[in-house]
PDB file of N, CA and C in Angstrom:
ATOM      1  N   MET A   1     -26.430  21.656 -64.162  1.00  0.00           N
ATOM      2  CA  MET A   1     -26.405  20.247 -64.487  1.00  0.00           C
ATOM      3  C   MET A   1     -25.338  19.944 -65.538  1.00  0.00           C
ATOM      4  N   ILE A   2     -25.108  20.876 -66.459  1.00  0.00           N
ATOM      5  CA  ILE A   2     -24.113  20.570 -67.491  1.00  0.00           C
ATOM      6  C   ILE A   2     -22.726  20.382 -66.896  1.00  0.00           C
ATOM      7  N   ARG A   3     -22.450  21.068 -65.843  1.00  0.00           N
ATOM      8  CA  ARG A   3     -21.156  20.888 -65.174  1.00  0.00           C
ATOM      9  C   ARG A   3     -21.147  19.577 -64.390  1.00  0.00           C
ATOM     10  N   GLU A   4     -22.258  19.290 -63.746  1.00  0.00           N
ATOM     11  CA  GLU A   4     -22.363  18.073 -62.947  1.00  0.00           C
ATOM     12  C   GLU A   4     -22.224  16.815 -63.813  1.00  0.00           C
ATOM     13  N   TYR A   5     -22.773  16.860 -65.009  1.00  0.00           N
ATOM     14  CA  TYR A   5     -22.690  15.718 -65.911  1.00  0.00           C
ATOM     15  C   TYR A   5     -21.454  15.750 -66.804  1.00  0.00           C
ATOM     16  N   GLY A   6     -20.665  16.800 -66.700  1.00  0.00           N
ATOM     17  CA  GLY A   6     -19.423  16.880 -67.456  1.00  0.00           C
ATOM     18  C   GLY A   6     -19.613  17.126 -68.943  1.00  0.00           C
ATOM     19  N   VAL A   7     -20.660  17.850 -69.301  1.00  0.00           N
ATOM     20  CA  VAL A   7     -20.924  18.108 -70.715  1.00  0.00           C
ATOM     21  C   VAL A   7     -20.839  19.595 -71.064  1.00  0.00           C
ATOM     22  N   LEU A   8     -20.120  20.334 -70.270  1.00  0.00           N
ATOM     23  CA  LEU A   8     -19.980  21.771 -70.499  1.00  0.00           C
ATOM     24  C   LEU A   8     -19.181  22.061 -71.764  1.00  0.00           C
ATOM     25  N   HIS A   9     -19.734  22.918 -72.592  1.00  0.00           N
ATOM     26  CA  HIS A   9     -19.025  23.445 -73.766  1.00  0.00           C
ATOM     27  C   HIS A   9     -18.900  24.954 -73.527  1.00  0.00           C
ATOM     28  N   PRO A  10     -17.793  25.366 -72.884  1.00  0.00           N
ATOM     29  CA  PRO A  10     -17.639  26.779 -72.530  1.00  0.00           C
ATOM     30  C   PRO A  10     -17.704  27.690 -73.755  1.00  0.00           C
ATOM     31  N   LYS A  11     -18.512  28.718 -73.635  1.00  0.00           N
ATOM     32  CA  LYS A  11     -18.648  29.736 -74.677  1.00  0.00           C
ATOM     33  C   LYS A  11     -19.054  29.153 -76.030  1.00  0.00           C
ATOM     34  N   GLY A  12     -19.768  28.041 -76.011  1.00  0.00           N
ATOM     35  CA  GLY A  12     -20.174  27.384 -77.256  1.00  0.00           C
ATOM     36  C   GLY A  12     -21.447  27.913 -77.864  1.00  0.00           C
ATOM     37  N   GLY A  13     -22.136  28.772 -77.132  1.00  0.00           N
ATOM     38  CA  GLY A  13     -23.388  29.321 -77.641  1.00  0.00           C
ATOM     39  C   GLY A  13     -23.178  30.464 -78.608  1.00  0.00           C
ATOM     40  N   GLU A  14     -24.255  30.870 -79.261  1.00  0.00           N
ATOM     41  CA  GLU A  14     -24.202  31.932 -80.269  1.00  0.00           C
ATOM     42  C   GLU A  14     -23.558  33.216 -79.762  1.00  0.00           C
ATOM     43  N   ASN A  15     -23.870  33.591 -78.547  1.00  0.00           N
ATOM     44  CA  ASN A  15     -23.342  34.838 -77.993  1.00  0.00           C
ATOM     45  C   ASN A  15     -22.219  34.599 -76.992  1.00  0.00           C
ATOM     46  N   GLY A  16     -21.562  33.451 -77.119  1.00  0.00           N
ATOM     47  CA  GLY A  16     -20.452  33.141 -76.233  1.00  0.00           C
ATOM     48  C   GLY A  16     -20.860  32.608 -74.880  1.00  0.00           C
ATOM     49  N   GLU A  17     -22.146  32.242 -74.722  1.00  0.00           N
ATOM     50  CA  GLU A  17     -22.572  31.693 -73.440  1.00  0.00           C
ATOM     51  C   GLU A  17     -22.218  30.217 -73.364  1.00  0.00           C
ATOM     52  N   ASP A  18     -22.114  29.711 -72.141  1.00  0.00           N
ATOM     53  CA  ASP A  18     -21.846  28.293 -71.923  1.00  0.00           C
ATOM     54  C   ASP A  18     -23.081  27.490 -72.317  1.00  0.00           C
ATOM     55  N   ILE A  19     -22.868  26.370 -72.984  1.00  0.00           N
ATOM     56  CA  ILE A  19     -23.952  25.473 -73.357  1.00  0.00           C
ATOM     57  C   ILE A  19     -23.528  24.040 -73.078  1.00  0.00           C
ATOM     58  N   ALA A  20     -24.461  23.116 -73.215  1.00  0.00           N
ATOM     59  CA  ALA A  20     -24.162  21.695 -73.037  1.00  0.00           C
ATOM     60  C   ALA A  20     -23.733  21.078 -74.358  1.00  0.00           C
ATOM     61  N   ARG A  21     -22.750  20.179 -74.275  1.00  0.00           N
ATOM     62  CA  ARG A  21     -22.397  19.355 -75.435  1.00  0.00           C
ATOM     63  C   ARG A  21     -23.522  18.358 -75.656  1.00  0.00           C
ATOM     64  N   PRO A  22     -23.716  17.917 -76.899  1.00  0.00           N
ATOM     65  CA  PRO A  22     -24.703  16.872 -77.143  1.00  0.00           C
ATOM     66  C   PRO A  22     -24.311  15.596 -76.387  1.00  0.00           C
ATOM     67  N   ALA A  23     -25.260  15.002 -75.701  1.00  0.00           N
ATOM     68  CA  ALA A  23     -24.956  13.806 -74.912  1.00  0.00           C
ATOM     69  C   ALA A  23     -26.219  12.995 -74.681  1.00  0.00           C
ATOM     70  N   GLU A  24     -26.024  11.702 -74.499  1.00  0.00           N
ATOM     71  CA  GLU A  24     -27.097  10.786 -74.144  1.00  0.00           C
ATOM     72  C   GLU A  24     -26.603   9.920 -72.997  1.00  0.00           C
ATOM     73  N   PHE A  25     -27.488   9.656 -72.059  1.00  0.00           N
ATOM     74  CA  PHE A  25     -27.122   8.900 -70.862  1.00  0.00           C
ATOM     75  C   PHE A  25     -28.128   7.783 -70.616  1.00  0.00           C
ATOM     76  N   LEU A  26     -27.636   6.658 -70.112  1.00  0.00           N
ATOM     77  CA  LEU A  26     -28.497   5.639 -69.523  1.00  0.00           C
ATOM     78  C   LEU A  26     -28.237   5.701 -68.026  1.00  0.00           C
ATOM     79  N   VAL A  27     -29.300   5.942 -67.285  1.00  0.00           N
ATOM     80  CA  VAL A  27     -29.206   6.095 -65.831  1.00  0.00           C
ATOM     81  C   VAL A  27     -30.047   5.000 -65.194  1.00  0.00           C
ATOM     82  N   ASP A  28     -29.477   4.289 -64.225  1.00  0.00           N
ATOM     83  CA  ASP A  28     -30.231   3.212 -63.594  1.00  0.00           C
ATOM     84  C   ASP A  28     -31.218   3.759 -62.561  1.00  0.00           C
ATOM     85  N   ALA A  29     -31.979   2.863 -61.967  1.00  0.00           N
ATOM     86  CA  ALA A  29     -33.037   3.247 -61.034  1.00  0.00           C
ATOM     87  C   ALA A  29     -32.509   3.955 -59.793  1.00  0.00           C
ATOM     88  N   THR A  30     -31.214   3.786 -59.490  1.00  0.00           N
ATOM     89  CA  THR A  30     -30.644   4.443 -58.316  1.00  0.00           C
ATOM     90  C   THR A  30     -29.983   5.776 -58.661  1.00  0.00           C
ATOM     91  N   GLY A  31     -30.031   6.153 -59.951  1.00  0.00           N
ATOM     92  CA  GLY A  31     -29.452   7.424 -60.371  1.00  0.00           C
ATOM     93  C   GLY A  31     -28.009   7.351 -60.834  1.00  0.00           C
ATOM     94  N   VAL A  32     -27.471   6.139 -60.949  1.00  0.00           N
ATOM     95  CA  VAL A  32     -26.092   5.963 -61.384  1.00  0.00           C
ATOM     96  C   VAL A  32     -26.045   5.958 -62.917  1.00  0.00           C
ATOM     97  N   ILE A  33     -25.149   6.754 -63.477  1.00  0.00           N
ATOM     98  CA  ILE A  33     -24.973   6.777 -64.926  1.00  0.00           C
ATOM     99  C   ILE A  33     -24.242   5.503 -65.318  1.00  0.00           C
ATOM    100  N   ARG A  34     -24.861   4.716 -66.195  1.00  0.00           N
ATOM    101  CA  ARG A  34     -24.304   3.431 -66.605  1.00  0.00           C
ATOM    102  C   ARG A  34     -23.719   3.445 -68.014  1.00  0.00           C
ATOM    103  N   TRP A  35     -24.109   4.414 -68.835  1.00  0.00           N
ATOM    104  CA  TRP A  35     -23.622   4.492 -70.216  1.00  0.00           C
ATOM    105  C   TRP A  35     -23.745   5.931 -70.679  1.00  0.00           C
ATOM    106  N   VAL A  36     -22.761   6.383 -71.429  1.00  0.00           N
ATOM    107  CA  VAL A  36     -22.745   7.763 -71.926  1.00  0.00           C
ATOM    108  C   VAL A  36     -22.337   7.759 -73.390  1.00  0.00           C
ATOM    109  N   ASN A  37     -23.003   8.571 -74.160  1.00  0.00           N
ATOM    110  CA  ASN A  37     -22.608   8.815 -75.542  1.00  0.00           C
ATOM    111  C   ASN A  37     -22.419  10.321 -75.684  1.00  0.00           C
ATOM    112  N   LEU A  38     -21.177  10.747 -75.895  1.00  0.00           N
ATOM    113  CA  LEU A  38     -20.865  12.163 -76.077  1.00  0.00           C
ATOM    114  C   LEU A  38     -20.454  12.400 -77.517  1.00  0.00           C
ATOM    115  N   THR A  39     -20.817  13.542 -78.039  1.00  0.00           N
ATOM    116  CA  THR A  39     -20.439  13.895 -79.394  1.00  0.00           C
ATOM    117  C   THR A  39     -20.180  15.391 -79.470  1.00  0.00           C
ATOM    118  N   GLU A  40     -19.442  15.771 -80.450  1.00  0.00           N
ATOM    119  CA  GLU A  40     -19.167  17.197 -80.670  1.00  0.00           C
ATOM    120  C   GLU A  40     -20.184  17.817 -81.614  1.00  0.00           C
ATOM    121  N   ASP A  41     -20.992  16.997 -82.264  1.00  0.00           N
ATOM    122  CA  ASP A  41     -21.915  17.459 -83.292  1.00  0.00           C
ATOM    123  C   ASP A  41     -23.344  17.178 -82.856  1.00  0.00           C
ATOM    124  N   LEU A  42     -24.165  18.199 -82.727  1.00  0.00           N
ATOM    125  CA  LEU A  42     -25.532  18.005 -82.246  1.00  0.00           C
ATOM    126  C   LEU A  42     -26.377  17.181 -83.203  1.00  0.00           C
ATOM    127  N   ARG A  43     -25.921  17.013 -84.436  1.00  0.00           N
ATOM    128  CA  ARG A  43     -26.659  16.196 -85.402  1.00  0.00           C
ATOM    129  C   ARG A  43     -26.345  14.714 -85.277  1.00  0.00           C
ATOM    130  N   VAL A  44     -25.317  14.371 -84.513  1.00  0.00           N
ATOM    131  CA  VAL A  44     -24.908  12.976 -84.360  1.00  0.00           C
ATOM    132  C   VAL A  44     -25.489  12.432 -83.054  1.00  0.00           C
ATOM    133  N   ARG A  45     -26.206  11.348 -83.172  1.00  0.00           N
ATOM    134  CA  ARG A  45     -26.804  10.698 -82.002  1.00  0.00           C
ATOM    135  C   ARG A  45     -26.462   9.215 -82.039  1.00  0.00           C
ATOM    136  N   ALA A  46     -26.554   8.589 -80.908  1.00  0.00           N
ATOM    137  CA  ALA A  46     -26.323   7.142 -80.844  1.00  0.00           C
ATOM    138  C   ALA A  46     -27.386   6.437 -81.666  1.00  0.00           C
ATOM    139  N   ARG A  47     -26.971   5.426 -82.386  1.00  0.00           N
ATOM    140  CA  ARG A  47     -27.925   4.621 -83.153  1.00  0.00           C
ATOM    141  C   ARG A  47     -28.725   3.774 -82.165  1.00  0.00           C
ATOM    142  N   PRO A  48     -29.988   3.551 -82.443  1.00  0.00           N
ATOM    143  CA  PRO A  48     -30.814   2.751 -81.531  1.00  0.00           C
ATOM    144  C   PRO A  48     -30.188   1.404 -81.194  1.00  0.00           C
ATOM    145  N   GLU A  49     -29.533   0.780 -82.180  1.00  0.00           N
ATOM    146  CA  GLU A  49     -28.904  -0.516 -81.934  1.00  0.00           C
ATOM    147  C   GLU A  49     -27.811  -0.405 -80.870  1.00  0.00           C
ATOM    148  N   SER A  50     -27.085   0.700 -80.883  1.00  0.00           N
ATOM    149  CA  SER A  50     -26.016   0.909 -79.898  1.00  0.00           C
ATOM    150  C   SER A  50     -26.583   1.060 -78.497  1.00  0.00           C
ATOM    151  N   VAL A  51     -27.689   1.776 -78.394  1.00  0.00           N
ATOM    152  CA  VAL A  51     -28.322   1.971 -77.082  1.00  0.00           C
ATOM    153  C   VAL A  51     -28.873   0.637 -76.577  1.00  0.00           C
ATOM    154  N   LEU A  52     -29.541  -0.106 -77.447  1.00  0.00           N
ATOM    155  CA  LEU A  52     -30.078  -1.409 -77.044  1.00  0.00           C
ATOM    156  C   LEU A  52     -28.973  -2.368 -76.632  1.00  0.00           C
ATOM    157  N   GLU A  53     -27.861  -2.340 -77.348  1.00  0.00           N
ATOM    158  CA  GLU A  53     -26.716  -3.181 -76.992  1.00  0.00           C
ATOM    159  C   GLU A  53     -26.179  -2.811 -75.614  1.00  0.00           C
ATOM    160  N   ALA A  54     -26.094  -1.515 -75.334  1.00  0.00           N
ATOM    161  CA  ALA A  54     -25.616  -1.060 -74.026  1.00  0.00           C
ATOM    162  C   ALA A  54     -26.568  -1.528 -72.925  1.00  0.00           C
ATOM    163  N   ILE A  55     -27.858  -1.443 -73.173  1.00  0.00           N
ATOM    164  CA  ILE A  55     -28.846  -1.885 -72.183  1.00  0.00           C
ATOM    165  C   ILE A  55     -28.677  -3.379 -71.924  1.00  0.00           C
ATOM    166  N   GLN A  56     -28.518  -4.144 -72.984  1.00  0.00           N
ATOM    167  CA  GLN A  56     -28.354  -5.596 -72.818  1.00  0.00           C
ATOM    168  C   GLN A  56     -27.084  -5.923 -72.063  1.00  0.00           C
ATOM    169  N   ARG A  57     -25.988  -5.210 -72.355  1.00  0.00           N
ATOM    170  CA  ARG A  57     -24.719  -5.437 -71.639  1.00  0.00           C
ATOM    171  C   ARG A  57     -24.875  -5.143 -70.160  1.00  0.00           C
ATOM    172  N   LEU A  58     -25.719  -4.178 -69.848  1.00  0.00           N
ATOM    173  CA  LEU A  58     -25.923  -3.806 -68.445  1.00  0.00           C
ATOM    174  C   LEU A  58     -26.889  -4.752 -67.731  1.00  0.00           C
ATOM    175  N   GLY A  59     -27.473  -5.671 -68.481  1.00  0.00           N
ATOM    176  CA  GLY A  59     -28.369  -6.631 -67.853  1.00  0.00           C
ATOM    177  C   GLY A  59     -29.769  -6.125 -67.637  1.00  0.00           C
ATOM    178  N   ALA A  60     -30.121  -5.033 -68.302  1.00  0.00           N
ATOM    179  CA  ALA A  60     -31.457  -4.466 -68.116  1.00  0.00           C
ATOM    180  C   ALA A  60     -32.374  -4.821 -69.272  1.00  0.00           C
ATOM    181  N   GLY A  61     -31.888  -5.624 -70.215  1.00  0.00           N
ATOM    182  CA  GLY A  61     -32.714  -5.877 -71.392  1.00  0.00           C
ATOM    183  C   GLY A  61     -33.204  -7.248 -71.517  1.00  0.00           C
TER     184      GLY A  61
END
């Protein structure tokens, strides 16, 4: 799935294994990704206000 969603961090794990980059997705009822938040730092996440704004822009709020 990490390759399918484009969040692969090659050799980013402790022992050089492939891991997923930190990411958040809004996916609609049909499975289409409508919004993505990618970051390089696992401690950084989208602020709730940003997610709510994205939902409203998409007409789902």
